[in-house]
């Protein structure tokens, strides 16, 4: 019973926190709806407490505001403040925030169980990198429908409609990096030699 009251108190605080954060950013509901793909009506009900916050709604909002997911729900900070290993579970994935870097690149580890889901591509501001650790990841990006296997990576502008999930045959484990619009992945070449100096390069998706 005490746990239920605690959970209810946490959920009740999400709406005012979302409203305050949006106002601090000087963003309207209409603009936030355009960025996240969530309707103005749903956003308004979230802020007023009439709509129960879910991970499906909070993830794009955290990305839009460029804050860790924990900041939206007011979760207490534990351990090393740079890394918050607080898994968040939902029906299609277990998501573990790996960084606390408001306004910068944020890292997540995701474990997606086997099973087929209908793609539901969405778009929002930002830039994302995916790296598959195990399994096969289906990535729908614009008009492309791709399958990435362990060791393969993808990076893309999240303004392009996108969706990713398991191919349905086995669980998928991956790393996701999400950054503000305009970010790119910078890779360091192998150590240089007199004839082949190392260089910092940028790869565009």
Protein backbone atom coordinates (compact mmCIF):
# COMPACT_ATOMS: atom_id res chain seq x y z
CA UNK A 1 0.00 0.00 0.00
CA UNK A 2 2.83 2.40 0.90
CA UNK A 3 4.55 1.57 -2.40
CA UNK A 4 1.35 2.31 -4.32
CA UNK A 5 1.00 5.68 -2.60
CA UNK A 6 4.63 6.48 -3.40
CA UNK A 7 4.14 5.55 -7.07
CA UNK A 8 0.96 7.64 -7.25
CA UNK A 9 2.80 10.64 -5.78
CA UNK A 10 5.59 10.29 -8.35
CA UNK A 11 3.10 10.11 -11.24
CA UNK A 12 1.14 13.08 -9.90
CA UNK A 13 4.27 15.21 -10.05
CA UNK A 14 5.01 14.45 -13.70
CA UNK A 15 2.37 16.80 -15.14
CA UNK A 16 3.48 19.97 -13.34
CA UNK A 17 7.10 19.10 -14.07
CA UNK A 18 6.37 18.77 -17.79
CA UNK A 19 4.48 22.06 -17.83
CA UNK A 20 7.24 23.93 -15.98
CA UNK A 21 9.92 22.47 -18.24
CA UNK A 22 8.03 23.44 -21.39
CA UNK A 23 7.51 26.99 -20.14
CA UNK A 24 11.17 27.29 -19.17
CA UNK A 25 12.05 26.31 -22.74
CA UNK A 26 9.59 28.89 -24.09
CA UNK A 27 7.85 26.16 -26.12
CA UNK A 28 4.15 26.02 -26.97
CA UNK A 29 2.05 22.87 -26.88
CA UNK A 30 1.64 23.13 -30.64
CA UNK A 31 5.40 23.25 -31.23
CA UNK A 32 6.02 20.39 -28.79
CA UNK A 33 3.35 18.34 -30.55
CA UNK A 34 5.09 18.93 -33.87
CA UNK A 35 8.44 17.89 -32.42
CA UNK A 36 7.31 14.76 -30.57
CA UNK A 37 4.43 13.53 -32.70
CA UNK A 38 2.16 13.60 -29.63
CA UNK A 39 -1.14 15.44 -30.07
CA UNK A 40 -1.76 18.81 -28.40
CA UNK A 41 -4.72 17.28 -26.58
CA UNK A 42 -2.62 14.48 -25.11
CA UNK A 43 0.16 16.88 -24.08
CA UNK A 44 -2.38 19.15 -22.38
CA UNK A 45 -3.92 16.22 -20.49
CA UNK A 46 -0.46 15.03 -19.42
CA UNK A 47 0.37 18.44 -17.97
CA UNK A 48 -2.97 18.71 -16.17
CA UNK A 49 -2.69 15.19 -14.74
CA UNK A 50 -5.71 13.90 -16.66
CA UNK A 51 -3.57 11.51 -18.73
CA UNK A 52 -1.39 8.88 -17.05
CA UNK A 53 2.25 9.26 -18.14
CA UNK A 54 3.70 6.24 -19.93
CA UNK A 55 7.17 5.48 -21.22
CA UNK A 56 5.91 5.76 -24.81
CA UNK A 57 4.92 9.38 -24.09
CA UNK A 58 7.80 10.35 -21.80
CA UNK A 59 10.66 9.15 -24.03
CA UNK A 60 9.98 11.57 -26.92
CA UNK A 61 9.36 14.36 -24.40
CA UNK A 62 12.71 13.70 -22.70
CA UNK A 63 14.36 13.79 -26.11
CA UNK A 64 12.57 16.98 -27.13
CA UNK A 65 13.56 18.75 -23.91
CA UNK A 66 17.05 17.15 -23.97
CA UNK A 67 16.84 15.95 -20.39
CA UNK A 68 17.27 12.47 -18.85
CA UNK A 69 14.08 10.47 -18.45
CA UNK A 70 14.61 10.41 -14.67
CA UNK A 71 14.29 14.20 -14.58
CA UNK A 72 10.73 14.00 -15.91
CA UNK A 73 9.56 11.55 -13.27
CA UNK A 74 11.59 13.04 -10.44
CA UNK A 75 13.38 9.79 -9.68
CA UNK A 76 15.96 10.08 -6.88
CA UNK A 77 19.59 10.06 -7.90
CA UNK A 78 21.56 7.08 -6.68
CA UNK A 79 25.22 6.12 -6.93
CA UNK A 80 27.47 7.86 -9.43
CA UNK A 81 25.56 10.95 -10.66
CA UNK A 82 27.10 10.53 -14.11
CA UNK A 83 25.50 7.13 -14.65
CA UNK A 84 21.97 6.15 -13.63
CA UNK A 85 21.48 2.44 -14.07
CA UNK A 86 17.72 2.47 -13.41
CA UNK A 87 16.11 0.14 -15.94
CA UNK A 88 12.72 1.15 -17.25
CA UNK A 89 10.63 -1.76 -18.54
CA UNK A 90 7.79 -1.76 -20.97
CA UNK A 91 6.18 -4.39 -23.17
CA UNK A 92 8.60 -3.97 -26.08
CA UNK A 93 11.91 -3.13 -24.38
CA UNK A 94 13.99 -2.69 -21.27
CA UNK A 95 15.73 0.69 -21.38
CA UNK A 96 18.70 1.59 -19.18
CA UNK A 97 19.86 5.26 -19.12
CA UNK A 98 23.67 5.28 -19.12
CA UNK A 99 24.39 9.01 -18.89
CA UNK A 100 23.19 12.21 -17.27
CA UNK A 101 24.03 14.89 -19.78
CA UNK A 102 21.23 17.46 -20.18
CA UNK A 103 21.52 19.32 -23.46
CA UNK A 104 24.16 16.96 -24.82
CA UNK A 105 24.43 13.43 -26.13
CA UNK A 106 22.55 10.88 -24.02
CA UNK A 107 23.26 7.15 -24.01
CA UNK A 108 20.84 4.28 -23.46
CA UNK A 109 21.15 0.52 -23.50
CA UNK A 110 18.08 -1.25 -24.87
CA UNK A 111 17.03 -4.88 -24.74
CA UNK A 112 14.16 -5.69 -27.09
CA UNK A 113 12.54 -9.12 -26.61
CA UNK A 114 11.71 -11.36 -29.58
CA UNK A 115 8.35 -10.84 -31.20
CA UNK A 116 7.00 -8.97 -34.17
CA UNK A 117 5.53 -5.46 -33.81
CA UNK A 118 3.92 -3.37 -36.48
CA UNK A 119 6.26 -0.49 -37.44
CA UNK A 120 5.01 2.92 -36.34
CA UNK A 121 7.55 5.43 -37.74
CA UNK A 122 7.74 8.80 -35.98
CA UNK A 123 9.89 11.90 -36.35
CA UNK A 124 11.26 14.51 -33.96
CA UNK A 125 14.18 16.90 -33.59
CA UNK A 126 17.57 15.32 -32.93
CA UNK A 127 20.19 12.90 -34.21
CA UNK A 128 20.51 9.24 -33.19
CA UNK A 129 23.09 6.49 -33.39
CA UNK A 130 22.30 2.79 -32.94
CA UNK A 131 24.84 0.00 -32.40
CA UNK A 132 23.68 -3.62 -32.28
CA UNK A 133 25.37 -5.74 -29.61
CA UNK A 134 23.46 -9.01 -30.12
CA UNK A 135 20.58 -10.23 -32.26
CA UNK A 136 19.00 -8.66 -35.33
CA UNK A 137 17.48 -5.19 -35.35
CA UNK A 138 14.89 -4.12 -37.89
CA UNK A 139 15.21 -0.42 -38.70
CA UNK A 140 12.57 1.38 -40.76
CA UNK A 141 13.99 4.73 -41.84
CA UNK A 142 12.02 6.77 -44.33
CA UNK A 143 11.51 4.54 -47.36
CA UNK A 144 14.20 2.08 -46.24
CA UNK A 145 13.55 -1.17 -44.34
CA UNK A 146 16.85 -2.54 -43.03
CA UNK A 147 18.10 -5.39 -40.82
CA UNK A 148 21.19 -4.72 -38.70
CA UNK A 149 23.14 -7.55 -37.07
CA UNK A 150 25.65 -7.63 -34.20
CA UNK A 151 28.50 -5.20 -34.80
CA UNK A 152 26.57 -3.04 -37.25
CA UNK A 153 25.59 0.57 -36.61
CA UNK A 154 23.33 3.22 -38.05
CA UNK A 155 23.07 6.97 -37.54
CA UNK A 156 20.30 9.21 -38.78
CA UNK A 157 18.53 12.52 -38.52
CA UNK A 158 15.47 11.83 -36.36
CA UNK A 159 13.42 14.30 -38.40
CA UNK A 160 13.21 11.41 -40.87
CA UNK A 161 10.33 9.10 -39.83
CA UNK A 162 11.88 6.07 -38.15
CA UNK A 163 11.12 2.96 -36.11
CA UNK A 164 13.16 0.03 -34.86
CA UNK A 165 12.50 -3.31 -33.17
CA UNK A 166 13.27 -7.01 -33.18
CA UNK A 167 13.01 -8.98 -36.40
CA UNK A 168 10.90 -11.38 -34.37
CA UNK A 169 13.34 -14.28 -34.18
CA UNK A 170 15.38 -13.39 -31.08
CA UNK A 171 16.00 -10.67 -28.51
CA UNK A 172 18.04 -7.66 -29.60
CA UNK A 173 20.53 -5.82 -27.39
CA UNK A 174 21.74 -2.43 -28.59
CA UNK A 175 23.22 0.89 -27.60
CA UNK A 176 21.43 4.11 -28.50
CA UNK A 177 23.01 7.56 -28.48
CA UNK A 178 20.75 10.55 -28.90
CA UNK A 179 21.99 14.09 -29.44
CA UNK A 180 20.69 17.53 -30.37
CA UNK A 181 20.02 18.45 -33.97
CA UNK A 182 23.27 19.06 -35.85
CA UNK A 183 25.34 16.52 -33.92
CA UNK A 184 27.40 14.04 -35.91
CA UNK A 185 29.41 10.98 -34.98
CA UNK A 186 33.14 11.68 -34.89
CA UNK A 187 35.42 8.66 -35.17
CA UNK A 188 39.17 8.55 -34.60
CA UNK A 189 41.15 6.66 -37.22
CA UNK A 190 43.71 4.02 -36.25
CA UNK A 191 46.98 5.34 -34.75
CA UNK A 192 48.91 7.15 -37.44
CA UNK A 193 52.28 6.37 -38.91
CA UNK A 194 54.71 8.53 -40.80
CA UNK A 195 52.92 7.57 -44.01
CA UNK A 196 49.41 7.22 -42.65
CA UNK A 197 48.66 9.80 -39.98
CA UNK A 198 45.59 9.36 -37.84
CA UNK A 199 42.72 11.75 -38.45
CA UNK A 200 39.42 12.69 -36.93
CA UNK A 201 36.61 12.06 -39.38
CA UNK A 202 32.89 12.70 -39.51
CA UNK A 203 30.37 10.28 -40.98
CA UNK A 204 27.04 11.55 -42.24
CA UNK A 205 24.04 9.15 -42.37
